[in-house]
Amino acid sequence: MGGRAGLCLPEHDGGSPMCTVELKPRAIKDMRNLQRQDSSRIVDALERLQLDLAGDVKKLTNFTPEYRLRVGQFRVLFEI
């Protein structure tokens, strides 16, 4: 995905760490151009990411946004 996924905003309810994923317009446009199977895999990975930052997540150095989630051959860039 060339576009950035957007923000993963922490929700503070005292329970388990959850966040809300907000997609930027460019990320939505990029998702529409993908094959249905690929976009479905990315959406599934983003849903898991919301629950507990699960997945192949790596903190990037000297780069904004600060994190990336790898989903197969795709990289989803995001901030916390």
N, C-alpha and C. Protein backbone atom coordinates (compact mmCIF):
# COMPACT_ATOMS: atom_id res chain seq x y z
N MET A 1 0.83 -1.17 0.00
CA MET A 1 0.00 0.00 0.00
C MET A 1 0.88 1.23 0.00
N GLY A 2 0.70 2.06 -0.95
CA GLY A 2 1.46 3.29 -0.99
C GLY A 2 0.96 4.28 0.04
N GLY A 3 -0.34 4.29 0.29
CA GLY A 3 -0.92 5.22 1.26
C GLY A 3 -0.72 4.73 2.67
N ARG A 4 -0.77 5.62 3.57
CA ARG A 4 -0.60 5.26 4.97
C ARG A 4 -1.95 4.86 5.54
N ALA A 5 -1.92 3.85 6.39
CA ALA A 5 -3.16 3.37 7.00
C ALA A 5 -3.74 4.43 7.90
N GLY A 6 -2.91 5.13 8.60
CA GLY A 6 -3.42 6.17 9.48
C GLY A 6 -3.02 5.94 10.91
N LEU A 7 -3.92 6.22 11.79
CA LEU A 7 -3.62 6.22 13.21
C LEU A 7 -4.26 5.03 13.90
N CYS A 8 -3.56 4.52 14.87
CA CYS A 8 -4.11 3.54 15.79
C CYS A 8 -4.21 4.28 17.12
N LEU A 9 -5.39 4.72 17.45
CA LEU A 9 -5.59 5.57 18.63
C LEU A 9 -5.95 4.72 19.84
N PRO A 10 -5.15 4.75 20.92
CA PRO A 10 -5.45 3.95 22.10
C PRO A 10 -6.76 4.38 22.74
N GLU A 11 -7.51 3.40 23.18
CA GLU A 11 -8.73 3.67 23.94
C GLU A 11 -8.44 3.38 25.40
N HIS A 12 -8.73 4.31 26.24
CA HIS A 12 -8.42 4.17 27.66
C HIS A 12 -9.70 3.85 28.42
N ASP A 13 -9.95 2.56 28.66
CA ASP A 13 -11.11 2.16 29.44
C ASP A 13 -10.70 1.33 30.65
N GLY A 14 -9.39 1.24 30.87
CA GLY A 14 -8.90 0.50 32.01
C GLY A 14 -8.81 -0.99 31.75
N GLY A 15 -9.34 -1.47 30.63
CA GLY A 15 -9.30 -2.89 30.30
C GLY A 15 -8.10 -3.23 29.46
N SER A 16 -8.31 -4.16 28.57
CA SER A 16 -7.22 -4.59 27.70
C SER A 16 -6.87 -3.49 26.72
N PRO A 17 -5.61 -3.49 26.25
CA PRO A 17 -5.20 -2.44 25.31
C PRO A 17 -5.90 -2.60 23.97
N MET A 18 -6.74 -1.63 23.62
CA MET A 18 -7.42 -1.63 22.34
C MET A 18 -7.16 -0.30 21.67
N CYS A 19 -7.27 -0.28 20.38
CA CYS A 19 -7.11 0.97 19.67
C CYS A 19 -8.10 1.01 18.51
N THR A 20 -8.28 2.18 17.97
CA THR A 20 -9.16 2.39 16.84
C THR A 20 -8.31 2.71 15.63
N VAL A 21 -8.56 2.01 14.55
CA VAL A 21 -7.83 2.25 13.31
C VAL A 21 -8.61 3.24 12.46
N GLU A 22 -7.94 4.29 12.03
CA GLU A 22 -8.54 5.27 11.14
C GLU A 22 -7.74 5.29 9.85
N LEU A 23 -8.40 5.00 8.74
CA LEU A 23 -7.72 4.97 7.45
C LEU A 23 -7.72 6.35 6.82
N LYS A 24 -6.60 6.70 6.26
CA LYS A 24 -6.49 7.96 5.52
C LYS A 24 -7.10 7.75 4.14
N PRO A 25 -7.55 8.84 3.50
CA PRO A 25 -8.18 8.71 2.17
C PRO A 25 -7.29 8.01 1.16
N ARG A 26 -6.01 8.25 1.19
CA ARG A 26 -5.09 7.60 0.24
C ARG A 26 -5.05 6.09 0.47
N ALA A 27 -5.10 5.67 1.74
CA ALA A 27 -5.09 4.23 2.05
C ALA A 27 -6.37 3.57 1.53
N ILE A 28 -7.50 4.25 1.67
CA ILE A 28 -8.77 3.71 1.17
C ILE A 28 -8.70 3.55 -0.34
N LYS A 29 -8.16 4.55 -1.01
CA LYS A 29 -8.01 4.49 -2.47
C LYS A 29 -7.11 3.32 -2.87
N ASP A 30 -5.99 3.16 -2.17
CA ASP A 30 -5.08 2.06 -2.46
C ASP A 30 -5.76 0.71 -2.25
N MET A 31 -6.56 0.58 -1.19
CA MET A 31 -7.26 -0.67 -0.89
C MET A 31 -8.24 -1.03 -2.01
N ARG A 32 -8.89 -0.02 -2.57
CA ARG A 32 -9.85 -0.27 -3.65
C ARG A 32 -9.17 -0.80 -4.90
N ASN A 33 -7.91 -0.49 -5.09
CA ASN A 33 -7.18 -0.93 -6.26
C ASN A 33 -6.57 -2.33 -6.11
N LEU A 34 -6.65 -2.89 -4.92
CA LEU A 34 -6.11 -4.23 -4.68
C LEU A 34 -7.12 -5.29 -5.05
N GLN A 35 -6.63 -6.50 -5.27
CA GLN A 35 -7.54 -7.63 -5.47
C GLN A 35 -8.30 -7.86 -4.18
N ARG A 36 -9.52 -8.35 -4.31
CA ARG A 36 -10.40 -8.55 -3.14
C ARG A 36 -9.74 -9.41 -2.06
N GLN A 37 -9.04 -10.45 -2.46
CA GLN A 37 -8.39 -11.34 -1.50
C GLN A 37 -7.32 -10.58 -0.70
N ASP A 38 -6.54 -9.76 -1.38
CA ASP A 38 -5.48 -8.99 -0.70
C ASP A 38 -6.08 -7.96 0.25
N SER A 39 -7.09 -7.23 -0.20
CA SER A 39 -7.69 -6.22 0.67
C SER A 39 -8.37 -6.87 1.86
N SER A 40 -8.95 -8.03 1.67
CA SER A 40 -9.58 -8.75 2.77
C SER A 40 -8.54 -9.17 3.82
N ARG A 41 -7.39 -9.64 3.36
CA ARG A 41 -6.31 -10.02 4.29
C ARG A 41 -5.83 -8.81 5.09
N ILE A 42 -5.74 -7.66 4.44
CA ILE A 42 -5.29 -6.45 5.12
C ILE A 42 -6.33 -6.01 6.15
N VAL A 43 -7.60 -6.04 5.78
CA VAL A 43 -8.66 -5.66 6.72
C VAL A 43 -8.65 -6.59 7.93
N ASP A 44 -8.49 -7.89 7.70
CA ASP A 44 -8.41 -8.84 8.82
C ASP A 44 -7.23 -8.52 9.73
N ALA A 45 -6.09 -8.20 9.14
CA ALA A 45 -4.90 -7.87 9.93
C ALA A 45 -5.12 -6.59 10.73
N LEU A 46 -5.81 -5.60 10.14
CA LEU A 46 -6.09 -4.36 10.86
C LEU A 46 -7.06 -4.59 12.01
N GLU A 47 -8.02 -5.49 11.83
CA GLU A 47 -8.94 -5.82 12.91
C GLU A 47 -8.20 -6.47 14.08
N ARG A 48 -7.26 -7.37 13.77
CA ARG A 48 -6.44 -7.99 14.83
C ARG A 48 -5.55 -6.95 15.51
N LEU A 49 -5.05 -6.01 14.72
CA LEU A 49 -4.20 -4.95 15.24
C LEU A 49 -4.95 -4.10 16.26
N GLN A 50 -6.23 -3.87 16.02
CA GLN A 50 -7.05 -3.08 16.94
C GLN A 50 -7.14 -3.72 18.32
N LEU A 51 -7.12 -5.04 18.37
CA LEU A 51 -7.32 -5.74 19.63
C LEU A 51 -6.12 -5.66 20.55
N ASP A 52 -4.94 -5.89 20.00
CA ASP A 52 -3.77 -5.91 20.90
C ASP A 52 -2.45 -5.65 20.16
N LEU A 53 -2.51 -4.90 19.08
CA LEU A 53 -1.32 -4.62 18.28
C LEU A 53 -0.63 -5.91 17.85
N ALA A 54 -1.47 -6.92 17.51
CA ALA A 54 -0.96 -8.23 17.09
C ALA A 54 -0.55 -8.18 15.63
N GLY A 55 0.34 -9.08 15.28
CA GLY A 55 0.76 -9.21 13.90
C GLY A 55 2.25 -8.94 13.76
N ASP A 56 2.69 -8.90 12.54
CA ASP A 56 4.10 -8.66 12.24
C ASP A 56 4.34 -7.15 12.25
N VAL A 57 4.44 -6.59 13.45
CA VAL A 57 4.60 -5.15 13.64
C VAL A 57 6.05 -4.84 13.95
N LYS A 58 6.57 -3.82 13.32
CA LYS A 58 7.95 -3.41 13.56
C LYS A 58 8.00 -1.91 13.74
N LYS A 59 8.74 -1.45 14.74
CA LYS A 59 8.96 -0.02 14.94
C LYS A 59 10.03 0.42 13.96
N LEU A 60 9.73 1.45 13.19
CA LEU A 60 10.67 1.95 12.20
C LEU A 60 11.57 3.01 12.83
N THR A 61 12.78 3.13 12.35
CA THR A 61 13.70 4.14 12.85
C THR A 61 13.84 5.25 11.82
N ASN A 62 13.85 6.47 12.31
CA ASN A 62 14.02 7.65 11.45
C ASN A 62 13.02 7.70 10.31
N PHE A 63 11.77 7.35 10.60
CA PHE A 63 10.73 7.34 9.58
C PHE A 63 9.40 7.68 10.22
N THR A 64 8.59 8.43 9.51
CA THR A 64 7.24 8.73 9.96
C THR A 64 6.30 8.25 8.89
N PRO A 65 5.29 7.47 9.18
CA PRO A 65 4.85 7.00 10.49
C PRO A 65 5.85 6.03 11.13
N GLU A 66 5.64 5.81 12.41
CA GLU A 66 6.64 5.13 13.21
C GLU A 66 6.63 3.61 13.14
N TYR A 67 5.53 3.02 12.69
CA TYR A 67 5.38 1.57 12.70
C TYR A 67 4.93 1.04 11.35
N ARG A 68 5.19 -0.26 11.14
CA ARG A 68 4.67 -0.92 9.95
C ARG A 68 4.15 -2.30 10.35
N LEU A 69 3.08 -2.67 9.68
CA LEU A 69 2.48 -3.99 9.83
C LEU A 69 2.67 -4.69 8.49
N ARG A 70 3.28 -5.85 8.51
CA ARG A 70 3.47 -6.59 7.27
C ARG A 70 2.33 -7.59 7.10
N VAL A 71 1.70 -7.52 5.92
CA VAL A 71 0.62 -8.44 5.57
C VAL A 71 0.99 -9.03 4.21
N GLY A 72 1.61 -10.19 4.22
CA GLY A 72 2.07 -10.79 2.97
C GLY A 72 3.10 -9.88 2.30
N GLN A 73 2.84 -9.52 1.04
CA GLN A 73 3.77 -8.65 0.32
C GLN A 73 3.51 -7.18 0.57
N PHE A 74 2.51 -6.86 1.37
CA PHE A 74 2.14 -5.46 1.62
C PHE A 74 2.64 -4.97 2.97
N ARG A 75 2.88 -3.68 3.05
CA ARG A 75 3.29 -3.03 4.29
C ARG A 75 2.26 -1.95 4.61
N VAL A 76 1.72 -1.99 5.80
CA VAL A 76 0.76 -0.99 6.26
C VAL A 76 1.50 -0.10 7.26
N LEU A 77 1.62 1.16 6.95
CA LEU A 77 2.33 2.11 7.83
C LEU A 77 1.32 2.77 8.75
N PHE A 78 1.70 2.89 10.04
CA PHE A 78 0.77 3.50 10.99
C PHE A 78 1.50 4.16 12.14
N GLU A 79 0.74 4.99 12.85
CA GLU A 79 1.22 5.69 14.05
C GLU A 79 0.38 5.26 15.23
N ILE A 80 0.95 5.44 16.41
CA ILE A 80 0.20 5.18 17.65
C ILE A 80 0.02 6.49 18.38
